[in-house]
């Protein structure tokens, strides 16, 4: 797993076995958490074609649904959390050097 793009303090785009996953930061007052979704083939293609601009509406929708408590997290492998955190930490380490 690796990070392929980031909008600081907003979202990370991760790639794992050829699939893209969007991890969006949600903040409400003192509470913050993230929500993650696998990108559809269409949206992944749009990202590869148009870059970050293709993700704007999806990020907004994910954040809104999470804040309205309408977010239904897709099933993720049990190792997902640890692997995604490791990928993000490695990305940040490389970006800071």
N, C-alpha and C. Protein backbone atom coordinates (compact mmCIF):
# COMPACT_ATOMS: atom_id res chain seq x y z
N UNK A 1 0.85 -1.17 0.00
CA UNK A 1 0.00 0.00 0.00
C UNK A 1 0.89 1.23 0.00
N UNK A 2 0.43 2.27 -0.73
CA UNK A 2 1.19 3.51 -0.76
C UNK A 2 0.24 4.69 -0.96
N UNK A 3 0.69 5.85 -0.51
CA UNK A 3 -0.05 7.08 -0.75
C UNK A 3 0.35 7.59 -2.13
N UNK A 4 -0.64 7.96 -2.94
CA UNK A 4 -0.33 8.50 -4.27
C UNK A 4 -0.64 9.98 -4.38
N UNK A 5 -1.44 10.51 -3.46
CA UNK A 5 -1.74 11.95 -3.47
C UNK A 5 -2.28 12.34 -2.10
N UNK A 6 -2.17 13.64 -1.83
CA UNK A 6 -2.64 14.15 -0.54
C UNK A 6 -3.07 15.60 -0.72
N UNK A 7 -4.10 15.96 -0.03
CA UNK A 7 -4.45 17.36 0.18
C UNK A 7 -4.30 17.55 1.69
N UNK A 8 -3.23 18.24 2.12
CA UNK A 8 -2.94 18.31 3.56
C UNK A 8 -4.14 18.72 4.40
N UNK A 9 -4.30 18.01 5.51
CA UNK A 9 -5.39 18.22 6.48
C UNK A 9 -6.77 18.10 5.82
N UNK A 10 -6.85 17.32 4.73
CA UNK A 10 -8.12 17.14 4.02
C UNK A 10 -8.34 15.68 3.64
N UNK A 11 -7.41 15.10 2.86
CA UNK A 11 -7.58 13.72 2.44
C UNK A 11 -6.25 13.12 1.98
N UNK A 12 -6.23 11.78 1.93
CA UNK A 12 -5.15 11.00 1.35
C UNK A 12 -5.77 10.07 0.31
N UNK A 13 -5.05 9.87 -0.78
CA UNK A 13 -5.44 8.88 -1.77
C UNK A 13 -4.41 7.76 -1.70
N UNK A 14 -4.88 6.56 -1.39
CA UNK A 14 -3.99 5.41 -1.23
C UNK A 14 -4.23 4.42 -2.35
N UNK A 15 -3.18 3.72 -2.74
CA UNK A 15 -3.30 2.66 -3.74
C UNK A 15 -2.88 1.35 -3.10
N UNK A 16 -3.69 0.34 -3.31
CA UNK A 16 -3.40 -0.99 -2.79
C UNK A 16 -3.83 -2.01 -3.82
N UNK A 17 -2.87 -2.76 -4.32
CA UNK A 17 -3.13 -3.81 -5.31
C UNK A 17 -3.93 -3.28 -6.50
N UNK A 18 -3.54 -2.09 -6.98
CA UNK A 18 -4.15 -1.52 -8.16
C UNK A 18 -5.45 -0.76 -7.93
N UNK A 19 -5.99 -0.81 -6.72
CA UNK A 19 -7.23 -0.11 -6.41
C UNK A 19 -6.90 1.18 -5.65
N UNK A 20 -7.73 2.22 -5.86
CA UNK A 20 -7.53 3.50 -5.19
C UNK A 20 -8.57 3.67 -4.08
N UNK A 21 -8.10 4.20 -2.94
CA UNK A 21 -8.95 4.42 -1.77
C UNK A 21 -8.77 5.86 -1.31
N UNK A 22 -9.88 6.51 -1.05
CA UNK A 22 -9.87 7.88 -0.58
C UNK A 22 -10.15 7.90 0.91
N UNK A 23 -9.23 8.47 1.67
CA UNK A 23 -9.35 8.58 3.12
C UNK A 23 -9.53 10.07 3.44
N UNK A 24 -10.72 10.43 3.93
CA UNK A 24 -11.10 11.84 4.11
C UNK A 24 -11.15 12.18 5.60
N UNK A 25 -10.50 13.28 5.95
CA UNK A 25 -10.55 13.78 7.32
C UNK A 25 -11.87 14.51 7.54
N UNK A 26 -12.53 14.18 8.65
CA UNK A 26 -13.79 14.82 9.04
C UNK A 26 -13.57 15.45 10.40
N UNK A 27 -13.85 16.74 10.52
CA UNK A 27 -13.69 17.44 11.79
C UNK A 27 -15.00 18.14 12.15
N UNK A 28 -15.33 18.06 13.41
CA UNK A 28 -16.51 18.76 13.92
C UNK A 28 -16.18 19.18 15.35
N UNK A 29 -15.88 20.45 15.52
CA UNK A 29 -15.46 20.92 16.83
C UNK A 29 -14.18 20.23 17.25
N UNK A 30 -14.17 19.67 18.44
CA UNK A 30 -12.98 19.01 18.96
C UNK A 30 -12.85 17.57 18.48
N UNK A 31 -13.81 17.09 17.72
CA UNK A 31 -13.82 15.71 17.27
C UNK A 31 -13.29 15.63 15.83
N UNK A 32 -12.41 14.67 15.60
CA UNK A 32 -11.96 14.42 14.23
C UNK A 32 -11.82 12.91 14.03
N UNK A 33 -12.10 12.49 12.82
CA UNK A 33 -11.99 11.08 12.44
C UNK A 33 -11.88 11.04 10.92
N UNK A 34 -11.63 9.87 10.39
CA UNK A 34 -11.57 9.77 8.93
C UNK A 34 -12.54 8.70 8.45
N UNK A 35 -12.94 8.86 7.19
CA UNK A 35 -13.77 7.87 6.52
C UNK A 35 -13.06 7.48 5.23
N UNK A 36 -13.19 6.23 4.85
CA UNK A 36 -12.47 5.71 3.70
C UNK A 36 -13.43 5.00 2.75
N UNK A 37 -13.18 5.17 1.46
CA UNK A 37 -13.98 4.49 0.45
C UNK A 37 -13.09 4.12 -0.74
N UNK A 38 -13.38 3.00 -1.33
CA UNK A 38 -12.71 2.60 -2.57
C UNK A 38 -13.30 3.42 -3.70
N UNK A 39 -12.45 3.96 -4.56
CA UNK A 39 -12.94 4.71 -5.70
C UNK A 39 -13.51 3.76 -6.76
N UNK A 40 -14.60 4.17 -7.35
CA UNK A 40 -15.15 3.41 -8.47
C UNK A 40 -14.14 3.46 -9.63
N UNK A 41 -14.29 2.56 -10.58
CA UNK A 41 -13.41 2.55 -11.75
C UNK A 41 -13.51 3.87 -12.50
N UNK A 42 -14.72 4.42 -12.58
CA UNK A 42 -14.93 5.68 -13.29
C UNK A 42 -14.20 6.83 -12.59
N UNK A 43 -14.33 6.89 -11.27
CA UNK A 43 -13.69 7.97 -10.53
C UNK A 43 -12.17 7.80 -10.53
N UNK A 44 -11.68 6.57 -10.45
CA UNK A 44 -10.23 6.33 -10.52
C UNK A 44 -9.70 6.80 -11.88
N UNK A 45 -10.44 6.49 -12.93
CA UNK A 45 -10.04 6.93 -14.27
C UNK A 45 -10.06 8.46 -14.35
N UNK A 46 -11.09 9.09 -13.78
CA UNK A 46 -11.18 10.55 -13.78
C UNK A 46 -10.00 11.16 -13.02
N UNK A 47 -9.60 10.56 -11.91
CA UNK A 47 -8.45 11.06 -11.16
C UNK A 47 -7.19 10.95 -11.99
N UNK A 48 -7.00 9.82 -12.63
CA UNK A 48 -5.79 9.63 -13.44
C UNK A 48 -5.77 10.60 -14.62
N UNK A 49 -6.92 10.96 -15.13
CA UNK A 49 -7.03 11.88 -16.26
C UNK A 49 -6.95 13.34 -15.81
N UNK A 50 -7.71 13.71 -14.75
CA UNK A 50 -7.88 15.11 -14.37
C UNK A 50 -7.16 15.52 -13.09
N UNK A 51 -6.61 14.56 -12.37
CA UNK A 51 -5.92 14.88 -11.13
C UNK A 51 -6.87 15.17 -9.98
N UNK A 52 -6.39 15.95 -9.04
CA UNK A 52 -7.11 16.22 -7.79
C UNK A 52 -8.51 16.80 -7.99
N UNK A 53 -8.69 17.57 -9.03
CA UNK A 53 -9.99 18.20 -9.27
C UNK A 53 -11.11 17.17 -9.36
N UNK A 54 -10.79 15.98 -9.79
CA UNK A 54 -11.79 14.92 -9.94
C UNK A 54 -12.33 14.45 -8.59
N UNK A 55 -11.61 14.73 -7.50
CA UNK A 55 -12.00 14.22 -6.19
C UNK A 55 -12.82 15.20 -5.36
N UNK A 56 -12.87 16.46 -5.75
CA UNK A 56 -13.50 17.49 -4.94
C UNK A 56 -14.92 17.18 -4.50
N UNK A 57 -15.78 16.80 -5.41
CA UNK A 57 -17.18 16.52 -5.06
C UNK A 57 -17.30 15.29 -4.18
N UNK A 58 -16.48 14.28 -4.46
CA UNK A 58 -16.55 13.05 -3.66
C UNK A 58 -16.12 13.33 -2.23
N UNK A 59 -15.06 14.10 -2.04
CA UNK A 59 -14.60 14.46 -0.70
C UNK A 59 -15.71 15.17 0.05
N UNK A 60 -16.35 16.14 -0.59
CA UNK A 60 -17.44 16.87 0.04
C UNK A 60 -18.61 15.98 0.43
N UNK A 61 -18.98 15.07 -0.45
CA UNK A 61 -20.09 14.17 -0.17
C UNK A 61 -19.76 13.22 0.98
N UNK A 62 -18.54 12.69 0.98
CA UNK A 62 -18.14 11.78 2.06
C UNK A 62 -18.17 12.51 3.40
N UNK A 63 -17.61 13.71 3.42
CA UNK A 63 -17.56 14.47 4.66
C UNK A 63 -18.97 14.81 5.15
N UNK A 64 -19.84 15.23 4.24
CA UNK A 64 -21.22 15.58 4.61
C UNK A 64 -21.95 14.37 5.19
N UNK A 65 -21.85 13.23 4.51
CA UNK A 65 -22.52 12.02 5.00
C UNK A 65 -22.00 11.61 6.37
N UNK A 66 -20.68 11.74 6.57
CA UNK A 66 -20.12 11.38 7.87
C UNK A 66 -20.63 12.32 8.96
N UNK A 67 -20.69 13.61 8.68
CA UNK A 67 -21.17 14.56 9.67
C UNK A 67 -22.66 14.39 9.97
N UNK A 68 -23.42 13.95 9.00
CA UNK A 68 -24.86 13.74 9.18
C UNK A 68 -25.15 12.33 9.72
N UNK A 69 -24.10 11.60 10.03
CA UNK A 69 -24.20 10.22 10.53
C UNK A 69 -24.89 9.28 9.54
N UNK A 70 -24.71 9.56 8.27
CA UNK A 70 -25.27 8.73 7.20
C UNK A 70 -24.19 7.87 6.54
N UNK A 71 -22.96 7.97 7.01
CA UNK A 71 -21.86 7.23 6.41
C UNK A 71 -21.93 5.76 6.79
N UNK A 72 -21.87 4.92 5.82
CA UNK A 72 -21.82 3.48 6.04
C UNK A 72 -20.47 3.01 5.53
N UNK A 73 -19.59 2.72 6.46
CA UNK A 73 -18.24 2.33 6.08
C UNK A 73 -18.25 1.01 5.33
N UNK A 74 -17.56 0.96 4.21
CA UNK A 74 -17.47 -0.31 3.48
C UNK A 74 -16.59 -1.28 4.26
N UNK A 75 -16.80 -2.57 4.09
CA UNK A 75 -15.95 -3.54 4.79
C UNK A 75 -14.51 -3.43 4.29
N UNK A 76 -13.60 -3.34 5.22
CA UNK A 76 -12.19 -3.26 4.88
C UNK A 76 -11.49 -4.42 5.59
N UNK A 77 -10.40 -4.92 5.00
CA UNK A 77 -9.66 -6.01 5.65
C UNK A 77 -9.20 -5.58 7.05
N UNK A 78 -9.05 -6.54 7.94
CA UNK A 78 -8.66 -6.24 9.31
C UNK A 78 -7.31 -5.54 9.39
N UNK A 79 -6.45 -5.77 8.44
CA UNK A 79 -5.12 -5.16 8.45
C UNK A 79 -5.12 -3.75 7.85
N UNK A 80 -6.27 -3.30 7.35
CA UNK A 80 -6.33 -2.02 6.64
C UNK A 80 -5.81 -0.86 7.46
N UNK A 81 -6.28 -0.71 8.66
CA UNK A 81 -5.92 0.44 9.49
C UNK A 81 -4.41 0.53 9.69
N UNK A 82 -3.81 -0.54 10.11
CA UNK A 82 -2.37 -0.53 10.37
C UNK A 82 -1.57 -0.27 9.09
N UNK A 83 -1.97 -0.88 8.00
CA UNK A 83 -1.25 -0.69 6.73
C UNK A 83 -1.42 0.72 6.19
N UNK A 84 -2.63 1.29 6.31
CA UNK A 84 -2.84 2.65 5.81
C UNK A 84 -2.09 3.66 6.66
N UNK A 85 -2.07 3.47 7.97
CA UNK A 85 -1.31 4.37 8.85
C UNK A 85 0.18 4.29 8.51
N UNK A 86 0.69 3.10 8.30
CA UNK A 86 2.10 2.94 7.94
C UNK A 86 2.42 3.62 6.62
N UNK A 87 1.53 3.50 5.64
CA UNK A 87 1.74 4.14 4.34
C UNK A 87 1.72 5.66 4.47
N UNK A 88 0.80 6.18 5.26
CA UNK A 88 0.72 7.63 5.47
C UNK A 88 1.94 8.14 6.21
N UNK A 89 2.39 7.42 7.22
CA UNK A 89 3.60 7.83 7.96
C UNK A 89 4.82 7.83 7.05
N UNK A 90 4.93 6.83 6.20
CA UNK A 90 6.06 6.77 5.25
C UNK A 90 5.99 7.93 4.27
N UNK A 91 4.80 8.23 3.77
CA UNK A 91 4.59 9.36 2.85
C UNK A 91 5.03 10.67 3.52
N UNK A 92 4.58 10.88 4.75
CA UNK A 92 4.93 12.11 5.45
C UNK A 92 6.43 12.19 5.73
N UNK A 93 7.04 11.07 6.05
CA UNK A 93 8.48 11.03 6.28
C UNK A 93 9.24 11.43 5.02
N UNK A 94 8.84 10.89 3.87
CA UNK A 94 9.49 11.21 2.61
C UNK A 94 9.27 12.66 2.21
N UNK A 95 8.10 13.20 2.52
CA UNK A 95 7.78 14.59 2.17
C UNK A 95 8.54 15.60 3.03
N UNK A 96 8.92 15.19 4.25
CA UNK A 96 9.59 16.12 5.16
C UNK A 96 11.11 16.16 4.96
N UNK A 97 11.63 15.24 4.15
CA UNK A 97 13.08 15.25 3.93
C UNK A 97 13.47 16.02 2.70
